[in-house]
């Protein structure tokens, strides 16, 4: 499955990315 997100680099944190990856993004 393709799980994707649009992100603003100015307010994207490593903590958010870790949440996304944990859910399979």
PDBML (XML) file of the C-alpha atoms, coordinates in Angstrom:
<?xml version="1.0" encoding="UTF-8" ?>
<PDBx:datablock datablockName="MODEL"
   xmlns:PDBx="http://pdbml.pdb.org/schema/pdbx-v50.xsd"
   xmlns:xsi="http://www.w3.org/2001/XMLSchema-instance"
   xsi:schemaLocation="http://pdbml.pdb.org/schema/pdbx-v50.xsd pdbx-v50.xsd">
   <PDBx:atom_siteCategory>
      <PDBx:atom_site id="1">
         <PDBx:B_iso_or_equiv>0.00</PDBx:B_iso_or_equiv>
         <PDBx:Cartn_x>0.000</PDBx:Cartn_x>
         <PDBx:Cartn_y>0.000</PDBx:Cartn_y>
         <PDBx:Cartn_z>0.000</PDBx:Cartn_z>
         <PDBx:auth_asym_id>A</PDBx:auth_asym_id>
         <PDBx:auth_atom_id>CA</PDBx:auth_atom_id>
         <PDBx:auth_comp_id>UNK</PDBx:auth_comp_id>
         <PDBx:auth_seq_id>1</PDBx:auth_seq_id>
         <PDBx:group_PDB>ATOM</PDBx:group_PDB>
         <PDBx:label_alt_id xsi:nil="true" />
         <PDBx:label_asym_id>A</PDBx:label_asym_id>
         <PDBx:label_atom_id>CA</PDBx:label_atom_id>
         <PDBx:label_comp_id>UNK</PDBx:label_comp_id>
         <PDBx:label_entity_id>1</PDBx:label_entity_id>
         <PDBx:label_seq_id>1</PDBx:label_seq_id>
         <PDBx:occupancy>1.00</PDBx:occupancy>
         <PDBx:pdbx_PDB_model_num>1</PDBx:pdbx_PDB_model_num>
         <PDBx:type_symbol>C</PDBx:type_symbol>
      </PDBx:atom_site>
      <PDBx:atom_site id="2">
         <PDBx:B_iso_or_equiv>0.00</PDBx:B_iso_or_equiv>
         <PDBx:Cartn_x>1.083</PDBx:Cartn_x>
         <PDBx:Cartn_y>3.556</PDBx:Cartn_y>
         <PDBx:Cartn_z>-0.762</PDBx:Cartn_z>
         <PDBx:auth_asym_id>A</PDBx:auth_asym_id>
         <PDBx:auth_atom_id>CA</PDBx:auth_atom_id>
         <PDBx:auth_comp_id>UNK</PDBx:auth_comp_id>
         <PDBx:auth_seq_id>2</PDBx:auth_seq_id>
         <PDBx:group_PDB>ATOM</PDBx:group_PDB>
         <PDBx:label_alt_id xsi:nil="true" />
         <PDBx:label_asym_id>A</PDBx:label_asym_id>
         <PDBx:label_atom_id>CA</PDBx:label_atom_id>
         <PDBx:label_comp_id>UNK</PDBx:label_comp_id>
         <PDBx:label_entity_id>1</PDBx:label_entity_id>
         <PDBx:label_seq_id>2</PDBx:label_seq_id>
         <PDBx:occupancy>1.00</PDBx:occupancy>
         <PDBx:pdbx_PDB_model_num>1</PDBx:pdbx_PDB_model_num>
         <PDBx:type_symbol>C</PDBx:type_symbol>
      </PDBx:atom_site>
      <PDBx:atom_site id="3">
         <PDBx:B_iso_or_equiv>0.00</PDBx:B_iso_or_equiv>
         <PDBx:Cartn_x>0.868</PDBx:Cartn_x>
         <PDBx:Cartn_y>5.717</PDBx:Cartn_y>
         <PDBx:Cartn_z>2.385</PDBx:Cartn_z>
         <PDBx:auth_asym_id>A</PDBx:auth_asym_id>
         <PDBx:auth_atom_id>CA</PDBx:auth_atom_id>
         <PDBx:auth_comp_id>UNK</PDBx:auth_comp_id>
         <PDBx:auth_seq_id>3</PDBx:auth_seq_id>
         <PDBx:group_PDB>ATOM</PDBx:group_PDB>
         <PDBx:label_alt_id xsi:nil="true" />
         <PDBx:label_asym_id>A</PDBx:label_asym_id>
         <PDBx:label_atom_id>CA</PDBx:label_atom_id>
         <PDBx:label_comp_id>UNK</PDBx:label_comp_id>
         <PDBx:label_entity_id>1</PDBx:label_entity_id>
         <PDBx:label_seq_id>3</PDBx:label_seq_id>
         <PDBx:occupancy>1.00</PDBx:occupancy>
         <PDBx:pdbx_PDB_model_num>1</PDBx:pdbx_PDB_model_num>
         <PDBx:type_symbol>C</PDBx:type_symbol>
      </PDBx:atom_site>
      <PDBx:atom_site id="4">
         <PDBx:B_iso_or_equiv>0.00</PDBx:B_iso_or_equiv>
         <PDBx:Cartn_x>1.957</PDBx:Cartn_x>
         <PDBx:Cartn_y>9.295</PDBx:Cartn_y>
         <PDBx:Cartn_z>1.760</PDBx:Cartn_z>
         <PDBx:auth_asym_id>A</PDBx:auth_asym_id>
         <PDBx:auth_atom_id>CA</PDBx:auth_atom_id>
         <PDBx:auth_comp_id>UNK</PDBx:auth_comp_id>
         <PDBx:auth_seq_id>4</PDBx:auth_seq_id>
         <PDBx:group_PDB>ATOM</PDBx:group_PDB>
         <PDBx:label_alt_id xsi:nil="true" />
         <PDBx:label_asym_id>A</PDBx:label_asym_id>
         <PDBx:label_atom_id>CA</PDBx:label_atom_id>
         <PDBx:label_comp_id>UNK</PDBx:label_comp_id>
         <PDBx:label_entity_id>1</PDBx:label_entity_id>
         <PDBx:label_seq_id>4</PDBx:label_seq_id>
         <PDBx:occupancy>1.00</PDBx:occupancy>
         <PDBx:pdbx_PDB_model_num>1</PDBx:pdbx_PDB_model_num>
         <PDBx:type_symbol>C</PDBx:type_symbol>
      </PDBx:atom_site>
      <PDBx:atom_site id="5">
         <PDBx:B_iso_or_equiv>0.00</PDBx:B_iso_or_equiv>
         <PDBx:Cartn_x>1.801</PDBx:Cartn_x>
         <PDBx:Cartn_y>12.743</PDBx:Cartn_y>
         <PDBx:Cartn_z>3.331</PDBx:Cartn_z>
         <PDBx:auth_asym_id>A</PDBx:auth_asym_id>
         <PDBx:auth_atom_id>CA</PDBx:auth_atom_id>
         <PDBx:auth_comp_id>UNK</PDBx:auth_comp_id>
         <PDBx:auth_seq_id>5</PDBx:auth_seq_id>
         <PDBx:group_PDB>ATOM</PDBx:group_PDB>
         <PDBx:label_alt_id xsi:nil="true" />
         <PDBx:label_asym_id>A</PDBx:label_asym_id>
         <PDBx:label_atom_id>CA</PDBx:label_atom_id>
         <PDBx:label_comp_id>UNK</PDBx:label_comp_id>
         <PDBx:label_entity_id>1</PDBx:label_entity_id>
         <PDBx:label_seq_id>5</PDBx:label_seq_id>
         <PDBx:occupancy>1.00</PDBx:occupancy>
         <PDBx:pdbx_PDB_model_num>1</PDBx:pdbx_PDB_model_num>
         <PDBx:type_symbol>C</PDBx:type_symbol>
      </PDBx:atom_site>
      <PDBx:atom_site id="6">
         <PDBx:B_iso_or_equiv>0.00</PDBx:B_iso_or_equiv>
         <PDBx:Cartn_x>2.266</PDBx:Cartn_x>
         <PDBx:Cartn_y>16.293</PDBx:Cartn_y>
         <PDBx:Cartn_z>2.093</PDBx:Cartn_z>
         <PDBx:auth_asym_id>A</PDBx:auth_asym_id>
         <PDBx:auth_atom_id>CA</PDBx:auth_atom_id>
         <PDBx:auth_comp_id>UNK</PDBx:auth_comp_id>
         <PDBx:auth_seq_id>6</PDBx:auth_seq_id>
         <PDBx:group_PDB>ATOM</PDBx:group_PDB>
         <PDBx:label_alt_id xsi:nil="true" />
         <PDBx:label_asym_id>A</PDBx:label_asym_id>
         <PDBx:label_atom_id>CA</PDBx:label_atom_id>
         <PDBx:label_comp_id>UNK</PDBx:label_comp_id>
         <PDBx:label_entity_id>1</PDBx:label_entity_id>
         <PDBx:label_seq_id>6</PDBx:label_seq_id>
         <PDBx:occupancy>1.00</PDBx:occupancy>
         <PDBx:pdbx_PDB_model_num>1</PDBx:pdbx_PDB_model_num>
         <PDBx:type_symbol>C</PDBx:type_symbol>
      </PDBx:atom_site>
      <PDBx:atom_site id="7">
         <PDBx:B_iso_or_equiv>0.00</PDBx:B_iso_or_equiv>
         <PDBx:Cartn_x>4.599</PDBx:Cartn_x>
         <PDBx:Cartn_y>18.186</PDBx:Cartn_y>
         <PDBx:Cartn_z>4.411</PDBx:Cartn_z>
         <PDBx:auth_asym_id>A</PDBx:auth_asym_id>
         <PDBx:auth_atom_id>CA</PDBx:auth_atom_id>
         <PDBx:auth_comp_id>UNK</PDBx:auth_comp_id>
         <PDBx:auth_seq_id>7</PDBx:auth_seq_id>
         <PDBx:group_PDB>ATOM</PDBx:group_PDB>
         <PDBx:label_alt_id xsi:nil="true" />
         <PDBx:label_asym_id>A</PDBx:label_asym_id>
         <PDBx:label_atom_id>CA</PDBx:label_atom_id>
         <PDBx:label_comp_id>UNK</PDBx:label_comp_id>
         <PDBx:label_entity_id>1</PDBx:label_entity_id>
         <PDBx:label_seq_id>7</PDBx:label_seq_id>
         <PDBx:occupancy>1.00</PDBx:occupancy>
         <PDBx:pdbx_PDB_model_num>1</PDBx:pdbx_PDB_model_num>
         <PDBx:type_symbol>C</PDBx:type_symbol>
      </PDBx:atom_site>
      <PDBx:atom_site id="8">
         <PDBx:B_iso_or_equiv>0.00</PDBx:B_iso_or_equiv>
         <PDBx:Cartn_x>5.843</PDBx:Cartn_x>
         <PDBx:Cartn_y>21.708</PDBx:Cartn_y>
         <PDBx:Cartn_z>4.945</PDBx:Cartn_z>
         <PDBx:auth_asym_id>A</PDBx:auth_asym_id>
         <PDBx:auth_atom_id>CA</PDBx:auth_atom_id>
         <PDBx:auth_comp_id>UNK</PDBx:auth_comp_id>
         <PDBx:auth_seq_id>8</PDBx:auth_seq_id>
         <PDBx:group_PDB>ATOM</PDBx:group_PDB>
         <PDBx:label_alt_id xsi:nil="true" />
         <PDBx:label_asym_id>A</PDBx:label_asym_id>
         <PDBx:label_atom_id>CA</PDBx:label_atom_id>
         <PDBx:label_comp_id>UNK</PDBx:label_comp_id>
         <PDBx:label_entity_id>1</PDBx:label_entity_id>
         <PDBx:label_seq_id>8</PDBx:label_seq_id>
         <PDBx:occupancy>1.00</PDBx:occupancy>
         <PDBx:pdbx_PDB_model_num>1</PDBx:pdbx_PDB_model_num>
         <PDBx:type_symbol>C</PDBx:type_symbol>
      </PDBx:atom_site>
      <PDBx:atom_site id="9">
         <PDBx:B_iso_or_equiv>0.00</PDBx:B_iso_or_equiv>
         <PDBx:Cartn_x>9.605</PDBx:Cartn_x>
         <PDBx:Cartn_y>21.453</PDBx:Cartn_y>
         <PDBx:Cartn_z>5.576</PDBx:Cartn_z>
         <PDBx:auth_asym_id>A</PDBx:auth_asym_id>
         <PDBx:auth_atom_id>CA</PDBx:auth_atom_id>
         <PDBx:auth_comp_id>UNK</PDBx:auth_comp_id>
         <PDBx:auth_seq_id>9</PDBx:auth_seq_id>
         <PDBx:group_PDB>ATOM</PDBx:group_PDB>
         <PDBx:label_alt_id xsi:nil="true" />
         <PDBx:label_asym_id>A</PDBx:label_asym_id>
         <PDBx:label_atom_id>CA</PDBx:label_atom_id>
         <PDBx:label_comp_id>UNK</PDBx:label_comp_id>
         <PDBx:label_entity_id>1</PDBx:label_entity_id>
         <PDBx:label_seq_id>9</PDBx:label_seq_id>
         <PDBx:occupancy>1.00</PDBx:occupancy>
         <PDBx:pdbx_PDB_model_num>1</PDBx:pdbx_PDB_model_num>
         <PDBx:type_symbol>C</PDBx:type_symbol>
      </PDBx:atom_site>
      <PDBx:atom_site id="10">
         <PDBx:B_iso_or_equiv>0.00</PDBx:B_iso_or_equiv>
         <PDBx:Cartn_x>9.415</PDBx:Cartn_x>
         <PDBx:Cartn_y>24.478</PDBx:Cartn_y>
         <PDBx:Cartn_z>7.876</PDBx:Cartn_z>
         <PDBx:auth_asym_id>A</PDBx:auth_asym_id>
         <PDBx:auth_atom_id>CA</PDBx:auth_atom_id>
         <PDBx:auth_comp_id>UNK</PDBx:auth_comp_id>
         <PDBx:auth_seq_id>10</PDBx:auth_seq_id>
         <PDBx:group_PDB>ATOM</PDBx:group_PDB>
         <PDBx:label_alt_id xsi:nil="true" />
         <PDBx:label_asym_id>A</PDBx:label_asym_id>
         <PDBx:label_atom_id>CA</PDBx:label_atom_id>
         <PDBx:label_comp_id>UNK</PDBx:label_comp_id>
         <PDBx:label_entity_id>1</PDBx:label_entity_id>
         <PDBx:label_seq_id>10</PDBx:label_seq_id>
         <PDBx:occupancy>1.00</PDBx:occupancy>
         <PDBx:pdbx_PDB_model_num>1</PDBx:pdbx_PDB_model_num>
         <PDBx:type_symbol>C</PDBx:type_symbol>
      </PDBx:atom_site>
      <PDBx:atom_site id="11">
         <PDBx:B_iso_or_equiv>0.00</PDBx:B_iso_or_equiv>
         <PDBx:Cartn_x>7.314</PDBx:Cartn_x>
         <PDBx:Cartn_y>22.670</PDBx:Cartn_y>
         <PDBx:Cartn_z>10.480</PDBx:Cartn_z>
         <PDBx:auth_asym_id>A</PDBx:auth_asym_id>
         <PDBx:auth_atom_id>CA</PDBx:auth_atom_id>
         <PDBx:auth_comp_id>UNK</PDBx:auth_comp_id>
         <PDBx:auth_seq_id>11</PDBx:auth_seq_id>
         <PDBx:group_PDB>ATOM</PDBx:group_PDB>
         <PDBx:label_alt_id xsi:nil="true" />
         <PDBx:label_asym_id>A</PDBx:label_asym_id>
         <PDBx:label_atom_id>CA</PDBx:label_atom_id>
         <PDBx:label_comp_id>UNK</PDBx:label_comp_id>
         <PDBx:label_entity_id>1</PDBx:label_entity_id>
         <PDBx:label_seq_id>11</PDBx:label_seq_id>
         <PDBx:occupancy>1.00</PDBx:occupancy>
         <PDBx:pdbx_PDB_model_num>1</PDBx:pdbx_PDB_model_num>
         <PDBx:type_symbol>C</PDBx:type_symbol>
      </PDBx:atom_site>
      <PDBx:atom_site id="12">
         <PDBx:B_iso_or_equiv>0.00</PDBx:B_iso_or_equiv>
         <PDBx:Cartn_x>8.008</PDBx:Cartn_x>
         <PDBx:Cartn_y>18.965</PDBx:Cartn_y>
         <PDBx:Cartn_z>9.939</PDBx:Cartn_z>
         <PDBx:auth_asym_id>A</PDBx:auth_asym_id>
         <PDBx:auth_atom_id>CA</PDBx:auth_atom_id>
         <PDBx:auth_comp_id>UNK</PDBx:auth_comp_id>
         <PDBx:auth_seq_id>12</PDBx:auth_seq_id>
         <PDBx:group_PDB>ATOM</PDBx:group_PDB>
         <PDBx:label_alt_id xsi:nil="true" />
         <PDBx:label_asym_id>A</PDBx:label_asym_id>
         <PDBx:label_atom_id>CA</PDBx:label_atom_id>
         <PDBx:label_comp_id>UNK</PDBx:label_comp_id>
         <PDBx:label_entity_id>1</PDBx:label_entity_id>
         <PDBx:label_seq_id>12</PDBx:label_seq_id>
         <PDBx:occupancy>1.00</PDBx:occupancy>
         <PDBx:pdbx_PDB_model_num>1</PDBx:pdbx_PDB_model_num>
         <PDBx:type_symbol>C</PDBx:type_symbol>
      </PDBx:atom_site>
      <PDBx:atom_site id="13">
         <PDBx:B_iso_or_equiv>0.00</PDBx:B_iso_or_equiv>
         <PDBx:Cartn_x>9.741</PDBx:Cartn_x>
         <PDBx:Cartn_y>17.327</PDBx:Cartn_y>
         <PDBx:Cartn_z>12.898</PDBx:Cartn_z>
         <PDBx:auth_asym_id>A</PDBx:auth_asym_id>
         <PDBx:auth_atom_id>CA</PDBx:auth_atom_id>
         <PDBx:auth_comp_id>UNK</PDBx:auth_comp_id>
         <PDBx:auth_seq_id>13</PDBx:auth_seq_id>
         <PDBx:group_PDB>ATOM</PDBx:group_PDB>
         <PDBx:label_alt_id xsi:nil="true" />
         <PDBx:label_asym_id>A</PDBx:label_asym_id>
         <PDBx:label_atom_id>CA</PDBx:label_atom_id>
         <PDBx:label_comp_id>UNK</PDBx:label_comp_id>
         <PDBx:label_entity_id>1</PDBx:label_entity_id>
         <PDBx:label_seq_id>13</PDBx:label_seq_id>
         <PDBx:occupancy>1.00</PDBx:occupancy>
         <PDBx:pdbx_PDB_model_num>1</PDBx:pdbx_PDB_model_num>
         <PDBx:type_symbol>C</PDBx:type_symbol>
      </PDBx:atom_site>
      <PDBx:atom_site id="14">
         <PDBx:B_iso_or_equiv>0.00</PDBx:B_iso_or_equiv>
         <PDBx:Cartn_x>11.562</PDBx:Cartn_x>
         <PDBx:Cartn_y>14.045</PDBx:Cartn_y>
         <PDBx:Cartn_z>13.303</PDBx:Cartn_z>
         <PDBx:auth_asym_id>A</PDBx:auth_asym_id>
         <PDBx:auth_atom_id>CA</PDBx:auth_atom_id>
         <PDBx:auth_comp_id>UNK</PDBx:auth_comp_id>
         <PDBx:auth_seq_id>14</PDBx:auth_seq_id>
         <PDBx:group_PDB>ATOM</PDBx:group_PDB>
         <PDBx:label_alt_id xsi:nil="true" />
         <PDBx:label_asym_id>A</PDBx:label_asym_id>
         <PDBx:label_atom_id>CA</PDBx:label_atom_id>
         <PDBx:label_comp_id>UNK</PDBx:label_comp_id>
         <PDBx:label_entity_id>1</PDBx:label_entity_id>
         <PDBx:label_seq_id>14</PDBx:label_seq_id>
         <PDBx:occupancy>1.00</PDBx:occupancy>
         <PDBx:pdbx_PDB_model_num>1</PDBx:pdbx_PDB_model_num>
         <PDBx:type_symbol>C</PDBx:type_symbol>
      </PDBx:atom_site>
      <PDBx:atom_site id="15">
         <PDBx:B_iso_or_equiv>0.00</PDBx:B_iso_or_equiv>
         <PDBx:Cartn_x>8.951</PDBx:Cartn_x>
         <PDBx:Cartn_y>13.101</PDBx:Cartn_y>
         <PDBx:Cartn_z>15.930</PDBx:Cartn_z>
         <PDBx:auth_asym_id>A</PDBx:auth_asym_id>
         <PDBx:auth_atom_id>CA</PDBx:auth_atom_id>
         <PDBx:auth_comp_id>UNK</PDBx:auth_comp_id>
         <PDBx:auth_seq_id>15</PDBx:auth_seq_id>
         <PDBx:group_PDB>ATOM</PDBx:group_PDB>
         <PDBx:label_alt_id xsi:nil="true" />
         <PDBx:label_asym_id>A</PDBx:label_asym_id>
         <PDBx:label_atom_id>CA</PDBx:label_atom_id>
         <PDBx:label_comp_id>UNK</PDBx:label_comp_id>
         <PDBx:label_entity_id>1</PDBx:label_entity_id>
         <PDBx:label_seq_id>15</PDBx:label_seq_id>
         <PDBx:occupancy>1.00</PDBx:occupancy>
         <PDBx:pdbx_PDB_model_num>1</PDBx:pdbx_PDB_model_num>
         <PDBx:type_symbol>C</PDBx:type_symbol>
      </PDBx:atom_site>
      <PDBx:atom_site id="16">
         <PDBx:B_iso_or_equiv>0.00</PDBx:B_iso_or_equiv>
         <PDBx:Cartn_x>6.174</PDBx:Cartn_x>
         <PDBx:Cartn_y>13.472</PDBx:Cartn_y>
         <PDBx:Cartn_z>13.335</PDBx:Cartn_z>
         <PDBx:auth_asym_id>A</PDBx:auth_asym_id>
         <PDBx:auth_atom_id>CA</PDBx:auth_atom_id>
         <PDBx:auth_comp_id>UNK</PDBx:auth_comp_id>
         <PDBx:auth_seq_id>16</PDBx:auth_seq_id>
         <PDBx:group_PDB>ATOM</PDBx:group_PDB>
         <PDBx:label_alt_id xsi:nil="true" />
         <PDBx:label_asym_id>A</PDBx:label_asym_id>
         <PDBx:label_atom_id>CA</PDBx:label_atom_id>
         <PDBx:label_comp_id>UNK</PDBx:label_comp_id>
         <PDBx:label_entity_id>1</PDBx:label_entity_id>
         <PDBx:label_seq_id>16</PDBx:label_seq_id>
         <PDBx:occupancy>1.00</PDBx:occupancy>
         <PDBx:pdbx_PDB_model_num>1</PDBx:pdbx_PDB_model_num>
         <PDBx:type_symbol>C</PDBx:type_symbol>
      </PDBx:atom_site>
      <PDBx:atom_site id="17">
         <PDBx:B_iso_or_equiv>0.00</PDBx:B_iso_or_equiv>
         <PDBx:Cartn_x>8.153</PDBx:Cartn_x>
         <PDBx:Cartn_y>11.450</PDBx:Cartn_y>
         <PDBx:Cartn_z>10.795</PDBx:Cartn_z>
         <PDBx:auth_asym_id>A</PDBx:auth_asym_id>
         <PDBx:auth_atom_id>CA</PDBx:auth_atom_id>
         <PDBx:auth_comp_id>UNK</PDBx:auth_comp_id>
         <PDBx:auth_seq_id>17</PDBx:auth_seq_id>
         <PDBx:group_PDB>ATOM</PDBx:group_PDB>
         <PDBx:label_alt_id xsi:nil="true" />
         <PDBx:label_asym_id>A</PDBx:label_asym_id>
         <PDBx:label_atom_id>CA</PDBx:label_atom_id>
         <PDBx:label_comp_id>UNK</PDBx:label_comp_id>
         <PDBx:label_entity_id>1</PDBx:label_entity_id>
         <PDBx:label_seq_id>17</PDBx:label_seq_id>
         <PDBx:occupancy>1.00</PDBx:occupancy>
         <PDBx:pdbx_PDB_model_num>1</PDBx:pdbx_PDB_model_num>
         <PDBx:type_symbol>C</PDBx:type_symbol>
      </PDBx:atom_site>
      <PDBx:atom_site id="18">
         <PDBx:B_iso_or_equiv>0.00</PDBx:B_iso_or_equiv>
         <PDBx:Cartn_x>8.675</PDBx:Cartn_x>
         <PDBx:Cartn_y>8.684</PDBx:Cartn_y>
         <PDBx:Cartn_z>13.353</PDBx:Cartn_z>
         <PDBx:auth_asym_id>A</PDBx:auth_asym_id>
         <PDBx:auth_atom_id>CA</PDBx:auth_atom_id>
         <PDBx:auth_comp_id>UNK</PDBx:auth_comp_id>
         <PDBx:auth_seq_id>18</PDBx:auth_seq_id>
         <PDBx:group_PDB>ATOM</PDBx:group_PDB>
         <PDBx:label_alt_id xsi:nil="true" />
         <PDBx:label_asym_id>A</PDBx:label_asym_id>
         <PDBx:label_atom_id>CA</PDBx:label_atom_id>
         <PDBx:label_comp_id>UNK</PDBx:label_comp_id>
         <PDBx:label_entity_id>1</PDBx:label_entity_id>
         <PDBx:label_seq_id>18</PDBx:label_seq_id>
         <PDBx:occupancy>1.00</PDBx:occupancy>
         <PDBx:pdbx_PDB_model_num>1</PDBx:pdbx_PDB_model_num>
         <PDBx:type_symbol>C</PDBx:type_symbol>
      </PDBx:atom_site>
      <PDBx:atom_site id="19">
         <PDBx:B_iso_or_equiv>0.00</PDBx:B_iso_or_equiv>
         <PDBx:Cartn_x>4.900</PDBx:Cartn_x>
         <PDBx:Cartn_y>8.526</PDBx:Cartn_y>
         <PDBx:Cartn_z>13.936</PDBx:Cartn_z>
         <PDBx:auth_asym_id>A</PDBx:auth_asym_id>
         <PDBx:auth_atom_id>CA</PDBx:auth_atom_id>
         <PDBx:auth_comp_id>UNK</PDBx:auth_comp_id>
         <PDBx:auth_seq_id>19</PDBx:auth_seq_id>
         <PDBx:group_PDB>ATOM</PDBx:group_PDB>
         <PDBx:label_alt_id xsi:nil="true" />
         <PDBx:label_asym_id>A</PDBx:label_asym_id>
         <PDBx:label_atom_id>CA</PDBx:label_atom_id>
         <PDBx:label_comp_id>UNK</PDBx:label_comp_id>
         <PDBx:label_entity_id>1</PDBx:label_entity_id>
         <PDBx:label_seq_id>19</PDBx:label_seq_id>
         <PDBx:occupancy>1.00</PDBx:occupancy>
         <PDBx:pdbx_PDB_model_num>1</PDBx:pdbx_PDB_model_num>
         <PDBx:type_symbol>C</PDBx:type_symbol>
      </PDBx:atom_site>
      <PDBx:atom_site id="20">
         <PDBx:B_iso_or_equiv>0.00</PDBx:B_iso_or_equiv>
         <PDBx:Cartn_x>4.303</PDBx:Cartn_x>
         <PDBx:Cartn_y>8.273</PDBx:Cartn_y>
         <PDBx:Cartn_z>10.194</PDBx:Cartn_z>
         <PDBx:auth_asym_id>A</PDBx:auth_asym_id>
         <PDBx:auth_atom_id>CA</PDBx:auth_atom_id>
         <PDBx:auth_comp_id>UNK</PDBx:auth_comp_id>
         <PDBx:auth_seq_id>20</PDBx:auth_seq_id>
         <PDBx:group_PDB>ATOM</PDBx:group_PDB>
         <PDBx:label_alt_id xsi:nil="true" />
         <PDBx:label_asym_id>A</PDBx:label_asym_id>
         <PDBx:label_atom_id>CA</PDBx:label_atom_id>
         <PDBx:label_comp_id>UNK</PDBx:label_comp_id>
         <PDBx:label_entity_id>1</PDBx:label_entity_id>
         <PDBx:label_seq_id>20</PDBx:label_seq_id>
         <PDBx:occupancy>1.00</PDBx:occupancy>
         <PDBx:pdbx_PDB_model_num>1</PDBx:pdbx_PDB_model_num>
         <PDBx:type_symbol>C</PDBx:type_symbol>
      </PDBx:atom_site>
      <PDBx:atom_site id="21">
         <PDBx:B_iso_or_equiv>0.00</PDBx:B_iso_or_equiv>
         <PDBx:Cartn_x>6.861</PDBx:Cartn_x>
         <PDBx:Cartn_y>5.521</PDBx:Cartn_y>
         <PDBx:Cartn_z>9.716</PDBx:Cartn_z>
         <PDBx:auth_asym_id>A</PDBx:auth_asym_id>
         <PDBx:auth_atom_id>CA</PDBx:auth_atom_id>
         <PDBx:auth_comp_id>UNK</PDBx:auth_comp_id>
         <PDBx:auth_seq_id>21</PDBx:auth_seq_id>
         <PDBx:group_PDB>ATOM</PDBx:group_PDB>
         <PDBx:label_alt_id xsi:nil="true" />
         <PDBx:label_asym_id>A</PDBx:label_asym_id>
         <PDBx:label_atom_id>CA</PDBx:label_atom_id>
         <PDBx:label_comp_id>UNK</PDBx:label_comp_id>
         <PDBx:label_entity_id>1</PDBx:label_entity_id>
         <PDBx:label_seq_id>21</PDBx:label_seq_id>
         <PDBx:occupancy>1.00</PDBx:occupancy>
         <PDBx:pdbx_PDB_model_num>1</PDBx:pdbx_PDB_model_num>
         <PDBx:type_symbol>C</PDBx:type_symbol>
      </PDBx:atom_site>
      <PDBx:atom_site id="22">
         <PDBx:B_iso_or_equiv>0.00</PDBx:B_iso_or_equiv>
         <PDBx:Cartn_x>5.469</PDBx:Cartn_x>
         <PDBx:Cartn_y>3.542</PDBx:Cartn_y>
         <PDBx:Cartn_z>12.653</PDBx:Cartn_z>
         <PDBx:auth_asym_id>A</PDBx:auth_asym_id>
         <PDBx:auth_atom_id>CA</PDBx:auth_atom_id>
         <PDBx:auth_comp_id>UNK</PDBx:auth_comp_id>
         <PDBx:auth_seq_id>22</PDBx:auth_seq_id>
         <PDBx:group_PDB>ATOM</PDBx:group_PDB>
         <PDBx:label_alt_id xsi:nil="true" />
         <PDBx:label_asym_id>A</PDBx:label_asym_id>
         <PDBx:label_atom_id>CA</PDBx:label_atom_id>
         <PDBx:label_comp_id>UNK</PDBx:label_comp_id>
         <PDBx:label_entity_id>1</PDBx:label_entity_id>
         <PDBx:label_seq_id>22</PDBx:label_seq_id>
         <PDBx:occupancy>1.00</PDBx:occupancy>
         <PDBx:pdbx_PDB_model_num>1</PDBx:pdbx_PDB_model_num>
         <PDBx:type_symbol>C</PDBx:type_symbol>
      </PDBx:atom_site>
      <PDBx:atom_site id="23">
         <PDBx:B_iso_or_equiv>0.00</PDBx:B_iso_or_equiv>
         <PDBx:Cartn_x>2.125</PDBx:Cartn_x>
         <PDBx:Cartn_y>3.514</PDBx:Cartn_y>
         <PDBx:Cartn_z>10.840</PDBx:Cartn_z>
         <PDBx:auth_asym_id>A</PDBx:auth_asym_id>
         <PDBx:auth_atom_id>CA</PDBx:auth_atom_id>
         <PDBx:auth_comp_id>UNK</PDBx:auth_comp_id>
         <PDBx:auth_seq_id>23</PDBx:auth_seq_id>
         <PDBx:group_PDB>ATOM</PDBx:group_PDB>
         <PDBx:label_alt_id xsi:nil="true" />
         <PDBx:label_asym_id>A</PDBx:label_asym_id>
         <PDBx:label_atom_id>CA</PDBx:label_atom_id>
         <PDBx:label_comp_id>UNK</PDBx:label_comp_id>
         <PDBx:label_entity_id>1</PDBx:label_entity_id>
         <PDBx:label_seq_id>23</PDBx:label_seq_id>
         <PDBx:occupancy>1.00</PDBx:occupancy>
         <PDBx:pdbx_PDB_model_num>1</PDBx:pdbx_PDB_model_num>
         <PDBx:type_symbol>C</PDBx:type_symbol>
      </PDBx:atom_site>
      <PDBx:atom_site id="24">
         <PDBx:B_iso_or_equiv>0.00</PDBx:B_iso_or_equiv>
         <PDBx:Cartn_x>3.700</PDBx:Cartn_x>
         <PDBx:Cartn_y>2.290</PDBx:Cartn_y>
         <PDBx:Cartn_z>7.605</PDBx:Cartn_z>
         <PDBx:auth_asym_id>A</PDBx:auth_asym_id>
         <PDBx:auth_atom_id>CA</PDBx:auth_atom_id>
         <PDBx:auth_comp_id>UNK</PDBx:auth_comp_id>
         <PDBx:auth_seq_id>24</PDBx:auth_seq_id>
         <PDBx:group_PDB>ATOM</PDBx:group_PDB>
         <PDBx:label_alt_id xsi:nil="true" />
         <PDBx:label_asym_id>A</PDBx:label_asym_id>
         <PDBx:label_atom_id>CA</PDBx:label_atom_id>
         <PDBx:label_comp_id>UNK</PDBx:label_comp_id>
         <PDBx:label_entity_id>1</PDBx:label_entity_id>
         <PDBx:label_seq_id>24</PDBx:label_seq_id>
         <PDBx:occupancy>1.00</PDBx:occupancy>
         <PDBx:pdbx_PDB_model_num>1</PDBx:pdbx_PDB_model_num>
         <PDBx:type_symbol>C</PDBx:type_symbol>
      </PDBx:atom_site>
      <PDBx:atom_site id="25">
         <PDBx:B_iso_or_equiv>0.00</PDBx:B_iso_or_equiv>
         <PDBx:Cartn_x>4.129</PDBx:Cartn_x>
         <PDBx:Cartn_y>5.522</PDBx:Cartn_y>
         <PDBx:Cartn_z>5.648</PDBx:Cartn_z>
         <PDBx:auth_asym_id>A</PDBx:auth_asym_id>
         <PDBx:auth_atom_id>CA</PDBx:auth_atom_id>
         <PDBx:auth_comp_id>UNK</PDBx:auth_comp_id>
         <PDBx:auth_seq_id>25</PDBx:auth_seq_id>
         <PDBx:group_PDB>ATOM</PDBx:group_PDB>
         <PDBx:label_alt_id xsi:nil="true" />
         <PDBx:label_asym_id>A</PDBx:label_asym_id>
         <PDBx:label_atom_id>CA</PDBx:label_atom_id>
         <PDBx:label_comp_id>UNK</PDBx:label_comp_id>
         <PDBx:label_entity_id>1</PDBx:label_entity_id>
         <PDBx:label_seq_id>25</PDBx:label_seq_id>
         <PDBx:occupancy>1.00</PDBx:occupancy>
         <PDBx:pdbx_PDB_model_num>1</PDBx:pdbx_PDB_model_num>
         <PDBx:type_symbol>C</PDBx:type_symbol>
      </PDBx:atom_site>
   </PDBx:atom_siteCategory>
</PDBx:datablock>
